[in-house]
Amino acid sequence: MIFITLAIVAVVLYILDYKIPALFLFFFFFTSGFNLIPEEVIEFAFISRGSDYAFIILFGIIIIDSFCVKNYLKPDTMLKYILLFGAFLLVAAFYSKFYVGLTWLEIFRTCRYQLFWMAYFVFRNMEKAQLERLLVYLFNVT
């Protein structure tokens, strides 16, 4: 339960323009607590891995930024390739659901790491100084 609270705190920090601590928490969950916290401690309801919390943070940040940042989805070449990859994943998910017969939960658990391509939207709008500071913090932790 505490990890859900931390994920919500990360999204709130991002809203309050504390992007570095919010993204630090994102990487904390993405690496399952920098590989210091066992997976059994992180499990809660339908969430079975730390990356699920990271996905919740990422999804919350993207939704908030899409409403608050002007020209958030400005077209560029990389965006076209990323959206093409996302469309492929969507087609593969529907194929797995309706032809193979998997459940949505099984599909999500199988392809959850492929969904982190959406982090491109968060990092492309950050300044170089913010990214360097985040990298220094991550370097110090690891």
N, C-alpha and C. Protein backbone atom coordinates (compact mmCIF):
# COMPACT_ATOMS: atom_id res chain seq x y z
N MET A 1 0.81 -1.19 0.00
CA MET A 1 0.00 0.00 0.00
C MET A 1 0.86 1.26 0.00
N ILE A 2 2.01 1.19 0.66
CA ILE A 2 2.88 2.37 0.72
C ILE A 2 3.45 2.70 -0.66
N PHE A 3 3.62 1.68 -1.49
CA PHE A 3 4.19 1.94 -2.81
C PHE A 3 3.19 2.63 -3.73
N ILE A 4 1.91 2.35 -3.57
CA ILE A 4 0.88 3.10 -4.32
C ILE A 4 0.93 4.56 -3.91
N THR A 5 1.09 4.80 -2.62
CA THR A 5 1.19 6.16 -2.12
C THR A 5 2.41 6.86 -2.70
N LEU A 6 3.53 6.16 -2.76
CA LEU A 6 4.73 6.75 -3.35
C LEU A 6 4.55 7.06 -4.84
N ALA A 7 3.84 6.21 -5.55
CA ALA A 7 3.57 6.48 -6.98
C ALA A 7 2.70 7.72 -7.13
N ILE A 8 1.70 7.87 -6.28
CA ILE A 8 0.85 9.06 -6.33
C ILE A 8 1.65 10.30 -5.95
N VAL A 9 2.53 10.17 -4.95
CA VAL A 9 3.39 11.29 -4.56
C VAL A 9 4.29 11.70 -5.72
N ALA A 10 4.79 10.74 -6.47
CA ALA A 10 5.64 11.06 -7.62
C ALA A 10 4.88 11.87 -8.66
N VAL A 11 3.65 11.50 -8.93
CA VAL A 11 2.84 12.26 -9.90
C VAL A 11 2.54 13.66 -9.37
N VAL A 12 2.24 13.77 -8.09
CA VAL A 12 1.98 15.09 -7.49
C VAL A 12 3.24 15.95 -7.52
N LEU A 13 4.40 15.36 -7.24
CA LEU A 13 5.65 16.11 -7.32
C LEU A 13 5.89 16.63 -8.73
N TYR A 14 5.56 15.83 -9.71
CA TYR A 14 5.73 16.26 -11.10
C TYR A 14 4.78 17.42 -11.41
N ILE A 15 3.57 17.36 -10.91
CA ILE A 15 2.61 18.44 -11.11
C ILE A 15 3.12 19.74 -10.48
N LEU A 16 3.73 19.62 -9.31
CA LEU A 16 4.25 20.79 -8.60
C LEU A 16 5.60 21.25 -9.13
N ASP A 17 6.02 20.71 -10.26
CA ASP A 17 7.26 21.07 -10.96
C ASP A 17 8.52 20.61 -10.24
N TYR A 18 8.41 19.57 -9.45
CA TYR A 18 9.58 18.89 -8.88
C TYR A 18 9.84 17.65 -9.74
N LYS A 19 10.33 17.89 -10.94
CA LYS A 19 10.46 16.81 -11.91
C LYS A 19 11.55 15.82 -11.56
N ILE A 20 12.66 16.31 -11.02
CA ILE A 20 13.78 15.42 -10.70
C ILE A 20 13.40 14.40 -9.62
N PRO A 21 12.83 14.80 -8.48
CA PRO A 21 12.41 13.78 -7.50
C PRO A 21 11.34 12.84 -8.04
N ALA A 22 10.43 13.36 -8.87
CA ALA A 22 9.38 12.50 -9.43
C ALA A 22 9.99 11.44 -10.34
N LEU A 23 10.91 11.86 -11.19
CA LEU A 23 11.53 10.89 -12.10
C LEU A 23 12.50 9.97 -11.37
N PHE A 24 13.07 10.45 -10.27
CA PHE A 24 13.88 9.57 -9.44
C PHE A 24 13.03 8.44 -8.88
N LEU A 25 11.82 8.78 -8.42
CA LEU A 25 10.90 7.74 -7.95
C LEU A 25 10.48 6.81 -9.09
N PHE A 26 10.34 7.38 -10.30
CA PHE A 26 10.03 6.55 -11.47
C PHE A 26 11.12 5.49 -11.66
N PHE A 27 12.38 5.91 -11.63
CA PHE A 27 13.48 4.96 -11.80
C PHE A 27 13.60 4.02 -10.61
N PHE A 28 13.23 4.48 -9.43
CA PHE A 28 13.21 3.61 -8.26
C PHE A 28 12.27 2.44 -8.50
N PHE A 29 11.08 2.73 -8.99
CA PHE A 29 10.12 1.65 -9.25
C PHE A 29 10.50 0.85 -10.49
N PHE A 30 11.02 1.52 -11.50
CA PHE A 30 11.38 0.83 -12.75
C PHE A 30 12.43 -0.25 -12.50
N THR A 31 13.35 0.01 -11.56
CA THR A 31 14.39 -0.97 -11.24
C THR A 31 14.05 -1.80 -10.01
N SER A 32 12.78 -1.79 -9.62
CA SER A 32 12.30 -2.53 -8.44
C SER A 32 13.07 -2.12 -7.19
N GLY A 33 13.10 -0.84 -6.93
CA GLY A 33 13.77 -0.32 -5.74
C GLY A 33 15.27 -0.41 -5.84
N PHE A 34 15.79 -0.14 -7.05
CA PHE A 34 17.23 -0.26 -7.34
C PHE A 34 17.74 -1.64 -6.96
N ASN A 35 16.89 -2.63 -7.16
CA ASN A 35 17.16 -4.04 -6.86
C ASN A 35 17.51 -4.28 -5.40
N LEU A 36 17.02 -3.43 -4.52
CA LEU A 36 17.25 -3.59 -3.09
C LEU A 36 16.01 -4.13 -2.37
N ILE A 37 14.86 -3.97 -2.98
CA ILE A 37 13.60 -4.39 -2.36
C ILE A 37 13.11 -5.66 -3.05
N PRO A 38 12.83 -6.70 -2.31
CA PRO A 38 12.33 -7.93 -2.94
C PRO A 38 10.95 -7.74 -3.57
N GLU A 39 10.71 -8.50 -4.61
CA GLU A 39 9.43 -8.39 -5.34
C GLU A 39 8.23 -8.73 -4.46
N GLU A 40 8.39 -9.60 -3.48
CA GLU A 40 7.28 -9.99 -2.62
C GLU A 40 6.76 -8.81 -1.81
N VAL A 41 7.64 -7.87 -1.47
CA VAL A 41 7.24 -6.71 -0.68
C VAL A 41 6.45 -5.73 -1.55
N ILE A 42 6.77 -5.67 -2.83
CA ILE A 42 6.16 -4.71 -3.74
C ILE A 42 4.76 -5.14 -4.17
N GLU A 43 4.46 -6.42 -4.15
CA GLU A 43 3.17 -6.92 -4.64
C GLU A 43 2.00 -6.31 -3.87
N PHE A 44 0.99 -5.89 -4.65
CA PHE A 44 -0.23 -5.35 -4.06
C PHE A 44 -1.35 -5.50 -5.08
N ALA A 45 -2.38 -6.21 -4.74
CA ALA A 45 -3.56 -6.42 -5.59
C ALA A 45 -3.14 -6.91 -6.97
N PHE A 46 -3.43 -6.14 -8.00
CA PHE A 46 -3.11 -6.55 -9.37
C PHE A 46 -1.69 -6.15 -9.78
N ILE A 47 -0.97 -5.44 -8.93
CA ILE A 47 0.39 -5.00 -9.22
C ILE A 47 1.36 -6.04 -8.69
N SER A 48 2.17 -6.60 -9.58
CA SER A 48 3.05 -7.68 -9.17
C SER A 48 4.53 -7.33 -9.26
N ARG A 49 4.88 -6.22 -9.89
CA ARG A 49 6.28 -5.84 -10.03
C ARG A 49 6.42 -4.34 -9.83
N GLY A 50 7.64 -3.93 -9.55
CA GLY A 50 7.91 -2.51 -9.41
C GLY A 50 7.68 -1.74 -10.69
N SER A 51 7.88 -2.40 -11.81
CA SER A 51 7.67 -1.71 -13.09
C SER A 51 6.21 -1.34 -13.31
N ASP A 52 5.29 -2.03 -12.65
CA ASP A 52 3.88 -1.65 -12.75
C ASP A 52 3.63 -0.29 -12.10
N TYR A 53 4.28 -0.04 -10.96
CA TYR A 53 4.19 1.27 -10.33
C TYR A 53 4.82 2.34 -11.23
N ALA A 54 5.96 2.00 -11.84
CA ALA A 54 6.61 2.95 -12.75
C ALA A 54 5.71 3.27 -13.93
N PHE A 55 4.98 2.27 -14.41
CA PHE A 55 4.06 2.51 -15.52
C PHE A 55 2.92 3.42 -15.09
N ILE A 56 2.44 3.26 -13.86
CA ILE A 56 1.38 4.14 -13.34
C ILE A 56 1.89 5.58 -13.28
N ILE A 57 3.11 5.76 -12.78
CA ILE A 57 3.70 7.11 -12.73
C ILE A 57 3.84 7.68 -14.13
N LEU A 58 4.36 6.90 -15.04
CA LEU A 58 4.57 7.36 -16.41
C LEU A 58 3.26 7.74 -17.08
N PHE A 59 2.25 6.91 -16.91
CA PHE A 59 0.95 7.19 -17.51
C PHE A 59 0.34 8.46 -16.92
N GLY A 60 0.47 8.65 -15.61
CA GLY A 60 -0.05 9.85 -14.96
C GLY A 60 0.66 11.10 -15.44
N ILE A 61 1.97 11.03 -15.58
CA ILE A 61 2.74 12.19 -16.05
C ILE A 61 2.37 12.54 -17.49
N ILE A 62 2.23 11.55 -18.33
CA ILE A 62 1.89 11.81 -19.74
C ILE A 62 0.50 12.43 -19.86
N ILE A 63 -0.46 11.92 -19.10
CA ILE A 63 -1.81 12.49 -19.15
C ILE A 63 -1.79 13.94 -18.69
N ILE A 64 -1.09 14.21 -17.60
CA ILE A 64 -1.04 15.58 -17.08
C ILE A 64 -0.33 16.50 -18.07
N ASP A 65 0.81 16.08 -18.59
CA ASP A 65 1.55 16.92 -19.54
C ASP A 65 0.77 17.17 -20.83
N SER A 66 0.02 16.19 -21.28
CA SER A 66 -0.72 16.37 -22.53
C SER A 66 -1.79 17.45 -22.40
N PHE A 67 -2.30 17.67 -21.18
CA PHE A 67 -3.29 18.73 -20.98
C PHE A 67 -2.64 20.08 -20.62
N CYS A 68 -1.47 20.06 -20.03
CA CYS A 68 -0.87 21.29 -19.51
C CYS A 68 0.22 21.90 -20.39
N VAL A 69 0.89 21.11 -21.22
CA VAL A 69 2.00 21.61 -22.03
C VAL A 69 1.52 21.84 -23.45
N LYS A 70 1.75 23.05 -23.93
CA LYS A 70 1.34 23.39 -25.28
C LYS A 70 2.26 22.68 -26.28
N ASN A 71 1.67 22.17 -27.35
CA ASN A 71 2.40 21.42 -28.39
C ASN A 71 3.12 20.20 -27.82
N TYR A 72 2.47 19.50 -26.91
CA TYR A 72 3.09 18.33 -26.27
C TYR A 72 3.36 17.23 -27.28
N LEU A 73 2.45 17.03 -28.19
CA LEU A 73 2.63 15.99 -29.21
C LEU A 73 3.06 16.59 -30.54
N LYS A 74 3.98 17.54 -30.49
CA LYS A 74 4.46 18.15 -31.72
C LYS A 74 5.12 17.08 -32.59
N PRO A 75 4.80 17.08 -33.88
CA PRO A 75 5.30 16.02 -34.74
C PRO A 75 6.80 16.15 -35.01
N ASP A 76 7.48 15.04 -34.94
CA ASP A 76 8.87 14.92 -35.37
C ASP A 76 9.09 13.49 -35.86
N THR A 77 10.24 13.23 -36.42
CA THR A 77 10.49 11.92 -37.02
C THR A 77 10.44 10.80 -35.99
N MET A 78 11.06 11.03 -34.84
CA MET A 78 11.08 10.01 -33.79
C MET A 78 9.67 9.69 -33.30
N LEU A 79 8.84 10.70 -33.19
CA LEU A 79 7.46 10.49 -32.75
C LEU A 79 6.71 9.58 -33.72
N LYS A 80 6.95 9.74 -35.00
CA LYS A 80 6.28 8.88 -35.99
C LYS A 80 6.69 7.43 -35.81
N TYR A 81 7.98 7.19 -35.60
CA TYR A 81 8.45 5.81 -35.40
C TYR A 81 7.91 5.21 -34.11
N ILE A 82 7.86 6.02 -33.07
CA ILE A 82 7.37 5.53 -31.78
C ILE A 82 5.88 5.21 -31.86
N LEU A 83 5.12 6.07 -32.51
CA LEU A 83 3.69 5.80 -32.66
C LEU A 83 3.44 4.59 -33.56
N LEU A 84 4.29 4.38 -34.54
CA LEU A 84 4.19 3.18 -35.38
C LEU A 84 4.44 1.92 -34.55
N PHE A 85 5.44 1.98 -33.67
CA PHE A 85 5.71 0.86 -32.77
C PHE A 85 4.53 0.63 -31.82
N GLY A 86 3.96 1.73 -31.30
CA GLY A 86 2.79 1.61 -30.43
C GLY A 86 1.60 0.99 -31.15
N ALA A 87 1.41 1.36 -32.42
CA ALA A 87 0.32 0.76 -33.21
C ALA A 87 0.56 -0.73 -33.42
N PHE A 88 1.82 -1.11 -33.65
CA PHE A 88 2.14 -2.53 -33.78
C PHE A 88 1.83 -3.29 -32.49
N LEU A 89 2.19 -2.71 -31.35
CA LEU A 89 1.89 -3.37 -30.07
C LEU A 89 0.39 -3.50 -29.85
N LEU A 90 -0.36 -2.49 -30.27
CA LEU A 90 -1.81 -2.54 -30.14
C LEU A 90 -2.41 -3.64 -31.00
N VAL A 91 -1.93 -3.76 -32.23
CA VAL A 91 -2.41 -4.83 -33.12
C VAL A 91 -2.04 -6.19 -32.54
N ALA A 92 -0.82 -6.31 -32.01
CA ALA A 92 -0.38 -7.57 -31.41
C ALA A 92 -1.22 -7.93 -30.19
N ALA A 93 -1.60 -6.91 -29.40
CA ALA A 93 -2.43 -7.17 -28.22
C ALA A 93 -3.82 -7.66 -28.63
N PHE A 94 -4.42 -7.03 -29.63
CA PHE A 94 -5.74 -7.48 -30.10
C PHE A 94 -5.66 -8.87 -30.73
N TYR A 95 -4.58 -9.17 -31.42
CA TYR A 95 -4.38 -10.50 -31.98
C TYR A 95 -4.30 -11.53 -30.85
N SER A 96 -3.54 -11.20 -29.80
CA SER A 96 -3.40 -12.11 -28.67
C SER A 96 -4.73 -12.31 -27.94
N LYS A 97 -5.52 -11.27 -27.88
CA LYS A 97 -6.80 -11.36 -27.17
C LYS A 97 -7.83 -12.17 -27.95
N PHE A 98 -8.01 -11.82 -29.22
CA PHE A 98 -9.13 -12.40 -29.96
C PHE A 98 -8.78 -13.64 -30.78
N TYR A 99 -7.52 -13.82 -31.14
CA TYR A 99 -7.17 -15.00 -31.92
C TYR A 99 -6.53 -16.07 -31.03
N VAL A 100 -5.60 -15.66 -30.18
CA VAL A 100 -4.93 -16.62 -29.30
C VAL A 100 -5.79 -16.94 -28.08
N GLY A 101 -6.56 -15.95 -27.60
CA GLY A 101 -7.47 -16.19 -26.49
C GLY A 101 -6.91 -15.86 -25.12
N LEU A 102 -5.91 -15.00 -25.04
CA LEU A 102 -5.35 -14.60 -23.75
C LEU A 102 -6.25 -13.55 -23.10
N THR A 103 -6.11 -13.41 -21.78
CA THR A 103 -6.85 -12.37 -21.08
C THR A 103 -6.06 -11.06 -21.16
N TRP A 104 -6.74 -9.95 -20.87
CA TRP A 104 -6.07 -8.65 -20.91
C TRP A 104 -4.95 -8.57 -19.87
N LEU A 105 -5.16 -9.19 -18.72
CA LEU A 105 -4.13 -9.18 -17.68
C LEU A 105 -2.88 -9.94 -18.13
N GLU A 106 -3.06 -11.08 -18.78
CA GLU A 106 -1.92 -11.83 -19.30
C GLU A 106 -1.18 -11.05 -20.38
N ILE A 107 -1.93 -10.37 -21.21
CA ILE A 107 -1.32 -9.57 -22.28
C ILE A 107 -0.52 -8.43 -21.67
N PHE A 108 -1.09 -7.74 -20.69
CA PHE A 108 -0.38 -6.62 -20.06
C PHE A 108 0.88 -7.10 -19.33
N ARG A 109 0.77 -8.21 -18.62
CA ARG A 109 1.94 -8.72 -17.90
C ARG A 109 3.04 -9.17 -18.85
N THR A 110 2.67 -9.60 -20.03
CA THR A 110 3.68 -10.03 -21.00
C THR A 110 4.35 -8.85 -21.68
N CYS A 111 3.58 -7.83 -22.00
CA CYS A 111 4.15 -6.73 -22.79
C CYS A 111 4.39 -5.46 -21.99
N ARG A 112 4.41 -5.55 -20.66
CA ARG A 112 4.53 -4.32 -19.86
C ARG A 112 5.85 -3.58 -20.10
N TYR A 113 6.93 -4.28 -20.37
CA TYR A 113 8.20 -3.60 -20.59
C TYR A 113 8.25 -2.91 -21.95
N GLN A 114 7.49 -3.40 -22.91
CA GLN A 114 7.44 -2.75 -24.21
C GLN A 114 6.65 -1.44 -24.17
N LEU A 115 5.90 -1.20 -23.11
CA LEU A 115 5.11 0.01 -23.01
C LEU A 115 5.90 1.21 -22.50
N PHE A 116 7.14 1.00 -22.11
CA PHE A 116 7.94 2.11 -21.61
C PHE A 116 8.50 2.99 -22.72
N TRP A 117 8.14 2.72 -23.96
CA TRP A 117 8.50 3.62 -25.05
C TRP A 117 7.83 4.98 -24.85
N MET A 118 6.79 5.01 -24.05
CA MET A 118 6.08 6.27 -23.80
C MET A 118 6.92 7.24 -22.96
N ALA A 119 7.99 6.76 -22.33
CA ALA A 119 8.85 7.65 -21.55
C ALA A 119 9.52 8.69 -22.44
N TYR A 120 9.56 8.45 -23.72
CA TYR A 120 10.10 9.43 -24.66
C TYR A 120 9.38 10.76 -24.53
N PHE A 121 8.08 10.73 -24.33
CA PHE A 121 7.30 11.96 -24.21
C PHE A 121 7.69 12.78 -22.99
N VAL A 122 8.07 12.11 -21.91
CA VAL A 122 8.46 12.81 -20.70
C VAL A 122 9.85 13.44 -20.86
N PHE A 123 10.79 12.67 -21.39
CA PHE A 123 12.17 13.12 -21.43
C PHE A 123 12.46 14.10 -22.56
N ARG A 124 11.66 14.12 -23.60
CA ARG A 124 11.95 15.03 -24.70
C ARG A 124 11.61 16.48 -24.36
N ASN A 125 10.80 16.71 -23.36
CA ASN A 125 10.43 18.06 -22.96
C ASN A 125 11.26 18.59 -21.78
N MET A 126 12.22 17.81 -21.32
CA MET A 126 13.05 18.25 -20.20
C MET A 126 14.27 19.01 -20.71
N GLU A 127 14.74 19.92 -19.89
CA GLU A 127 15.94 20.66 -20.23
C GLU A 127 17.17 19.80 -19.98
N LYS A 128 18.26 20.17 -20.64
CA LYS A 128 19.50 19.40 -20.53
C LYS A 128 20.03 19.40 -19.10
N ALA A 129 19.94 20.53 -18.42
CA ALA A 129 20.43 20.62 -17.04
C ALA A 129 19.64 19.69 -16.11
N GLN A 130 18.34 19.60 -16.32
CA GLN A 130 17.52 18.70 -15.49
C GLN A 130 17.90 17.24 -15.74
N LEU A 131 18.11 16.89 -16.99
CA LEU A 131 18.50 15.51 -17.31
C LEU A 131 19.86 15.17 -16.71
N GLU A 132 20.78 16.10 -16.79
CA GLU A 132 22.11 15.85 -16.22
C GLU A 132 22.05 15.69 -14.71
N ARG A 133 21.24 16.50 -14.05
CA ARG A 133 21.09 16.37 -12.60
C ARG A 133 20.46 15.03 -12.22
N LEU A 134 19.47 14.61 -12.98
CA LEU A 134 18.85 13.30 -12.73
C LEU A 134 19.87 12.18 -12.93
N LEU A 135 20.67 12.28 -13.98
CA LEU A 135 21.69 11.26 -14.22
C LEU A 135 22.73 11.22 -13.11
N VAL A 136 23.10 12.37 -12.57
CA VAL A 136 24.05 12.40 -11.45
C VAL A 136 23.45 11.70 -10.24
N TYR A 137 22.19 11.98 -9.94
CA TYR A 137 21.54 11.31 -8.80
C TYR A 137 21.47 9.79 -9.01
N LEU A 138 21.11 9.38 -10.20
CA LEU A 138 21.03 7.95 -10.48
C LEU A 138 22.42 7.30 -10.43
N PHE A 139 23.42 8.02 -10.91
CA PHE A 139 24.80 7.50 -10.85
C PHE A 139 25.25 7.33 -9.40
N ASN A 140 24.90 8.28 -8.55
CA ASN A 140 25.30 8.18 -7.15
C ASN A 140 24.61 7.03 -6.44
N VAL A 141 23.38 6.75 -6.80
CA VAL A 141 22.66 5.65 -6.15
C VAL A 141 23.21 4.30 -6.59
N THR A 142 23.49 4.19 -7.88
CA THR A 142 23.96 2.89 -8.38
C THR A 142 25.44 2.78 -8.24
